[in-house]
């Protein structure tokens, strides 16, 4: 078409250069977390103040930015906020986690899984298995215990207690049940376990649900800084190192951080 140029070897048009030049101003506003003066925005984007002012004026007119007072600081506008929140709502934890699980499995050569909180508790919704590890005995859709699974313990540590307290009480009410055999005989034991998980940002165990398995799990957060899932790594002791400094734990934490960032979580709030 007349007036349209394309890069050689690319199916995309060259675009509008002025938009590409101006967008960094909005990115600086987004990353700053608070209103910024013109001089700061110009310096951060290597742009003369007069030029930055012209772009910001257009962004204000379009609703992507706003100026708090005439001649005052700039902030993101209602249109930018609408775009951002809409994009975040469209992010799918399952789609993001599918890629993350496959990458983590290939990186560690062991089985990994994803659990979410459903009506009856932590529920397995995704597997990424390896031939080196015998297939898991749990099916997708299995509801796991809160206190005696690493997924459950992650949710107990980071989910609103009002959602977990009844299940915790029910599991503690069994004097010789799985929780008691795992050393959790009362709420004090549960609180100590939860506190450790919050400090380390992951839960780990050997032989918790299966005597021949070591497992470690860590939480995924979304843009509201709420836990929306838990990813676990499963292996055979002593081949799976579940220590804080071990490669599996470091790879797992990198994975959940990456997925959480893509979901808009504020990483400083959790790590």
Protein backbone atom coordinates (compact mmCIF):
# COMPACT_ATOMS: atom_id res chain seq x y z
CA UNK A 1 0.00 0.00 0.00
CA UNK A 2 1.20 3.57 -0.67
CA UNK A 3 2.91 5.12 2.33
CA UNK A 4 3.50 1.75 3.99
CA UNK A 5 7.02 0.45 4.29
CA UNK A 6 8.07 -2.95 5.60
CA UNK A 7 11.30 -4.18 7.06
CA UNK A 8 13.09 -6.65 4.83
CA UNK A 9 12.41 -10.15 6.06
CA UNK A 10 9.66 -9.03 8.44
CA UNK A 11 5.89 -9.22 8.10
CA UNK A 12 5.41 -6.27 10.48
CA UNK A 13 5.12 -2.65 9.34
CA UNK A 14 7.71 -0.20 10.53
CA UNK A 15 5.13 1.40 12.81
CA UNK A 16 4.93 4.98 14.02
CA UNK A 17 8.25 6.16 15.36
CA UNK A 18 6.82 8.91 17.55
CA UNK A 19 4.78 6.40 19.53
CA UNK A 20 7.85 4.25 20.13
CA UNK A 21 9.76 7.33 21.30
CA UNK A 22 7.03 8.49 23.67
CA UNK A 23 6.06 5.17 25.27
CA UNK A 24 9.12 5.05 27.59
CA UNK A 25 7.64 8.05 29.43
CA UNK A 26 4.63 5.93 30.36
CA UNK A 27 6.85 3.03 31.36
CA UNK A 28 8.82 5.29 33.71
CA UNK A 29 5.54 6.45 35.27
CA UNK A 30 4.40 2.86 35.68
CA UNK A 31 7.63 1.70 37.29
CA UNK A 32 8.00 4.75 39.55
CA UNK A 33 4.92 3.89 41.58
CA UNK A 34 4.16 7.57 42.28
CA UNK A 35 3.69 10.86 40.36
CA UNK A 36 6.84 12.25 38.77
CA UNK A 37 7.94 15.77 37.75
CA UNK A 38 8.64 16.57 34.12
CA UNK A 39 12.38 16.92 34.71
CA UNK A 40 12.63 13.44 36.20
CA UNK A 41 10.69 11.87 33.35
CA UNK A 42 12.77 13.66 30.75
CA UNK A 43 16.04 12.64 32.38
CA UNK A 44 14.95 9.00 32.76
CA UNK A 45 14.16 8.78 29.03
CA UNK A 46 17.13 10.86 27.78
CA UNK A 47 14.70 13.36 26.33
CA UNK A 48 14.82 17.19 26.40
CA UNK A 49 12.14 18.52 28.81
CA UNK A 50 10.40 20.46 26.04
CA UNK A 51 10.08 17.32 23.92
CA UNK A 52 8.91 15.22 26.88
CA UNK A 53 6.31 17.88 27.67
CA UNK A 54 4.83 17.59 24.17
CA UNK A 55 4.47 13.83 24.47
CA UNK A 56 2.98 14.08 27.95
CA UNK A 57 0.49 16.70 26.76
CA UNK A 58 -0.73 14.26 24.10
CA UNK A 59 -0.87 11.41 26.61
CA UNK A 60 -2.92 13.58 28.98
CA UNK A 61 -5.37 14.41 26.17
CA UNK A 62 -5.69 10.71 25.38
CA UNK A 63 -6.19 9.71 29.01
CA UNK A 64 -2.96 7.71 29.23
CA UNK A 65 -1.47 10.25 31.65
CA UNK A 66 -2.74 12.97 33.93
CA UNK A 67 -1.21 16.06 35.47
CA UNK A 68 -2.14 16.47 39.11
CA UNK A 69 -2.06 20.30 39.01
CA UNK A 70 -1.17 22.77 36.25
CA UNK A 71 2.61 22.66 35.98
CA UNK A 72 2.69 19.84 38.53
CA UNK A 73 3.69 16.20 38.52
CA UNK A 74 2.45 13.56 36.11
CA UNK A 75 0.88 10.20 36.81
CA UNK A 76 -0.77 7.42 34.82
CA UNK A 77 -4.20 8.34 33.54
CA UNK A 78 -7.50 6.43 33.58
CA UNK A 79 -6.99 4.96 30.10
CA UNK A 80 -3.60 3.52 31.06
CA UNK A 81 -5.06 2.04 34.23
CA UNK A 82 -7.94 0.48 32.26
CA UNK A 83 -5.52 -1.02 29.74
CA UNK A 84 -3.30 -2.40 32.49
CA UNK A 85 -6.02 -3.97 34.61
CA UNK A 86 -7.77 -5.42 31.56
CA UNK A 87 -4.52 -7.00 30.36
CA UNK A 88 -3.90 -8.48 33.81
CA UNK A 89 -7.39 -9.97 34.00
CA UNK A 90 -6.80 -11.67 30.67
CA UNK A 91 -3.65 -13.38 31.86
CA UNK A 92 -4.27 -17.07 32.38
CA UNK A 93 -2.34 -18.72 35.22
CA UNK A 94 -2.90 -22.11 33.60
CA UNK A 95 -1.45 -21.04 30.25
CA UNK A 96 1.54 -19.37 31.87
CA UNK A 97 2.09 -22.31 34.19
CA UNK A 98 2.01 -24.85 31.36
CA UNK A 99 5.11 -23.35 29.80
CA UNK A 100 6.72 -22.87 33.21
CA UNK A 101 6.12 -26.49 34.21
CA UNK A 102 7.58 -27.84 30.99
CA UNK A 103 10.66 -25.66 31.29
CA UNK A 104 11.19 -26.56 34.94
CA UNK A 105 10.77 -30.29 34.24
CA UNK A 106 13.31 -30.13 31.42
CA UNK A 107 15.71 -28.09 33.51
CA UNK A 108 15.64 -30.46 36.50
CA UNK A 109 14.75 -33.74 34.73
CA UNK A 110 12.05 -34.52 37.27
CA UNK A 111 8.30 -34.30 37.62
CA UNK A 112 6.61 -31.00 38.50
CA UNK A 113 3.00 -30.12 39.20
CA UNK A 114 0.60 -27.21 39.64
CA UNK A 115 -2.13 -26.95 42.27
CA UNK A 116 -4.79 -24.28 42.75
CA UNK A 117 -7.21 -23.64 45.57
CA UNK A 118 -10.66 -24.97 44.68
CA UNK A 119 -13.90 -25.44 46.61
CA UNK A 120 -12.57 -28.31 48.71
CA UNK A 121 -8.93 -27.33 49.09
CA UNK A 122 -5.63 -27.52 47.17
CA UNK A 123 -6.33 -29.34 43.91
CA UNK A 124 -3.90 -30.79 41.38
CA UNK A 125 -4.59 -29.34 37.94
CA UNK A 126 -1.39 -29.85 35.90
CA UNK A 127 1.48 -32.38 35.62
CA UNK A 128 4.70 -32.32 33.67
CA UNK A 129 6.18 -35.78 34.13
CA UNK A 130 9.49 -37.37 33.23
CA UNK A 131 10.29 -41.00 32.38
CA UNK A 132 12.94 -41.03 35.09
CA UNK A 133 10.28 -40.74 37.78
CA UNK A 134 7.53 -43.31 38.15
CA UNK A 135 4.15 -41.80 37.34
CA UNK A 136 2.51 -40.09 40.26
CA UNK A 137 -0.15 -41.93 42.20
CA UNK A 138 -2.40 -38.86 42.25
CA UNK A 139 -4.71 -38.01 39.39
CA UNK A 140 -5.45 -34.55 38.10
CA UNK A 141 -8.35 -33.20 40.13
CA UNK A 142 -7.13 -34.83 43.33
CA UNK A 143 -7.79 -32.68 46.40
CA UNK A 144 -4.72 -32.74 48.62
CA UNK A 145 -4.58 -32.38 52.41
CA UNK A 146 -3.61 -28.96 53.71
CA UNK A 147 -1.20 -30.03 56.43
CA UNK A 148 0.43 -33.10 54.89
CA UNK A 149 1.16 -31.99 51.33
CA UNK A 150 3.64 -29.33 50.28
CA UNK A 151 1.00 -27.72 48.07
CA UNK A 152 -1.38 -27.60 51.01
CA UNK A 153 1.24 -26.12 53.32
CA UNK A 154 2.02 -23.39 50.78
CA UNK A 155 -1.65 -22.42 50.68
CA UNK A 156 -1.86 -22.59 54.46
CA UNK A 157 1.06 -20.15 54.65
CA UNK A 158 -0.08 -17.60 52.06
CA UNK A 159 -3.84 -17.93 51.60
CA UNK A 160 -6.38 -16.03 53.70
CA UNK A 161 -6.73 -18.06 56.90
CA UNK A 162 -10.51 -17.84 56.73
CA UNK A 163 -10.35 -20.17 53.72
CA UNK A 164 -8.06 -22.73 55.31
CA UNK A 165 -8.95 -22.76 59.01
CA UNK A 166 -11.78 -25.29 58.84
CA UNK A 167 -9.70 -27.79 56.87
CA UNK A 168 -6.76 -27.29 59.22
CA UNK A 169 -8.99 -27.86 62.25
CA UNK A 170 -10.48 -30.99 60.66
CA UNK A 171 -7.05 -32.49 59.98
CA UNK A 172 -5.80 -31.63 63.48
CA UNK A 173 -8.90 -33.23 65.00
CA UNK A 174 -7.62 -36.71 64.09
CA UNK A 175 -5.43 -37.72 67.11
CA UNK A 176 -3.57 -40.39 65.15
CA UNK A 177 -4.13 -38.95 61.70
CA UNK A 178 -1.59 -37.98 59.01
CA UNK A 179 -1.03 -34.50 60.47
CA UNK A 180 -0.22 -35.88 63.92
CA UNK A 181 2.12 -38.47 62.43
CA UNK A 182 3.86 -35.64 60.57
CA UNK A 183 4.49 -33.87 63.87
CA UNK A 184 1.61 -31.40 63.70
CA UNK A 185 -0.34 -32.09 66.87
CA UNK A 186 -1.84 -28.65 67.43
CA UNK A 187 -2.12 -25.11 66.12
CA UNK A 188 1.22 -24.14 67.65
CA UNK A 189 2.94 -26.73 65.47
CA UNK A 190 1.03 -25.51 62.42
CA UNK A 191 1.92 -21.86 63.08
CA UNK A 192 5.61 -22.73 63.45
CA UNK A 193 5.57 -24.64 60.16
CA UNK A 194 3.74 -21.82 58.39
CA UNK A 195 6.11 -19.20 59.75
CA UNK A 196 9.09 -21.12 58.37
CA UNK A 197 7.46 -21.42 54.95
CA UNK A 198 6.75 -17.69 54.85
CA UNK A 199 10.37 -16.95 55.73
CA UNK A 200 11.85 -19.36 53.17
CA UNK A 201 9.07 -18.82 50.56
CA UNK A 202 8.78 -22.53 49.93
CA UNK A 203 7.65 -25.75 51.61
CA UNK A 204 9.68 -28.96 51.49
CA UNK A 205 9.32 -32.46 52.84
CA UNK A 206 10.52 -36.05 52.47
CA UNK A 207 8.02 -38.87 52.63
CA UNK A 208 5.09 -36.61 53.49
CA UNK A 209 2.45 -38.22 51.29
CA UNK A 210 4.65 -40.91 49.78
CA UNK A 211 7.61 -42.46 51.64
CA UNK A 212 9.57 -42.70 48.40
CA UNK A 213 9.25 -39.08 47.35
CA UNK A 214 10.87 -35.75 48.18
CA UNK A 215 8.85 -32.67 47.33
CA UNK A 216 9.23 -28.91 47.39
CA UNK A 217 6.60 -26.30 46.47
CA UNK A 218 6.40 -22.52 46.17
CA UNK A 219 3.55 -20.03 45.63
CA UNK A 220 2.44 -18.08 42.57
CA UNK A 221 0.92 -14.62 43.18
CA UNK A 222 -1.18 -12.41 40.89
CA UNK A 223 -1.55 -8.65 40.44
CA UNK A 224 -3.56 -8.38 43.68
CA UNK A 225 -0.61 -10.01 45.50
CA UNK A 226 -2.87 -12.96 46.31
CA UNK A 227 -1.74 -16.57 45.96
CA UNK A 228 -3.32 -18.17 42.89
CA UNK A 229 -1.33 -21.37 42.62
CA UNK A 230 1.51 -23.53 43.83
CA UNK A 231 4.18 -25.27 41.78
CA UNK A 232 5.94 -28.33 43.17
CA UNK A 233 9.00 -30.36 42.22
CA UNK A 234 8.85 -34.08 42.97
CA UNK A 235 11.80 -36.45 43.11
CA UNK A 236 13.28 -39.52 44.71
CA UNK A 237 15.40 -39.04 47.81
CA UNK A 238 18.30 -38.60 48.09
CA UNK A 239 18.63 -37.56 44.43
CA UNK A 240 16.40 -34.48 44.77
CA UNK A 241 18.11 -31.82 46.85
CA UNK A 242 15.36 -29.93 48.70
CA UNK A 243 17.68 -27.69 50.70
CA UNK A 244 17.33 -23.92 50.34
CA UNK A 245 20.65 -23.69 48.51
CA UNK A 246 20.00 -26.65 46.23
CA UNK A 247 19.52 -26.26 42.49
CA UNK A 248 15.90 -27.55 42.48
CA UNK A 249 14.75 -24.98 45.05
CA UNK A 250 16.57 -22.13 43.32
CA UNK A 251 15.10 -23.13 39.95
CA UNK A 252 11.62 -23.47 41.47
CA UNK A 253 11.79 -20.03 43.09
CA UNK A 254 12.99 -18.47 39.85
CA UNK A 255 10.05 -20.10 38.07
CA UNK A 256 7.33 -18.95 40.46
CA UNK A 257 8.82 -15.45 40.55
CA UNK A 258 8.73 -15.28 36.76
CA UNK A 259 5.12 -16.48 36.54
CA UNK A 260 4.12 -14.11 39.35
CA UNK A 261 5.75 -11.18 37.57
CA UNK A 262 3.85 -12.02 34.40
CA UNK A 263 0.65 -12.02 36.46
CA UNK A 264 1.49 -8.55 37.77
CA UNK A 265 2.55 -9.43 41.31
CA UNK A 266 4.66 -6.97 43.28
CA UNK A 267 7.76 -9.04 43.86
CA UNK A 268 9.12 -6.84 46.65
CA UNK A 269 6.06 -7.78 48.68
CA UNK A 270 6.94 -11.48 48.64
CA UNK A 271 10.68 -11.85 48.06
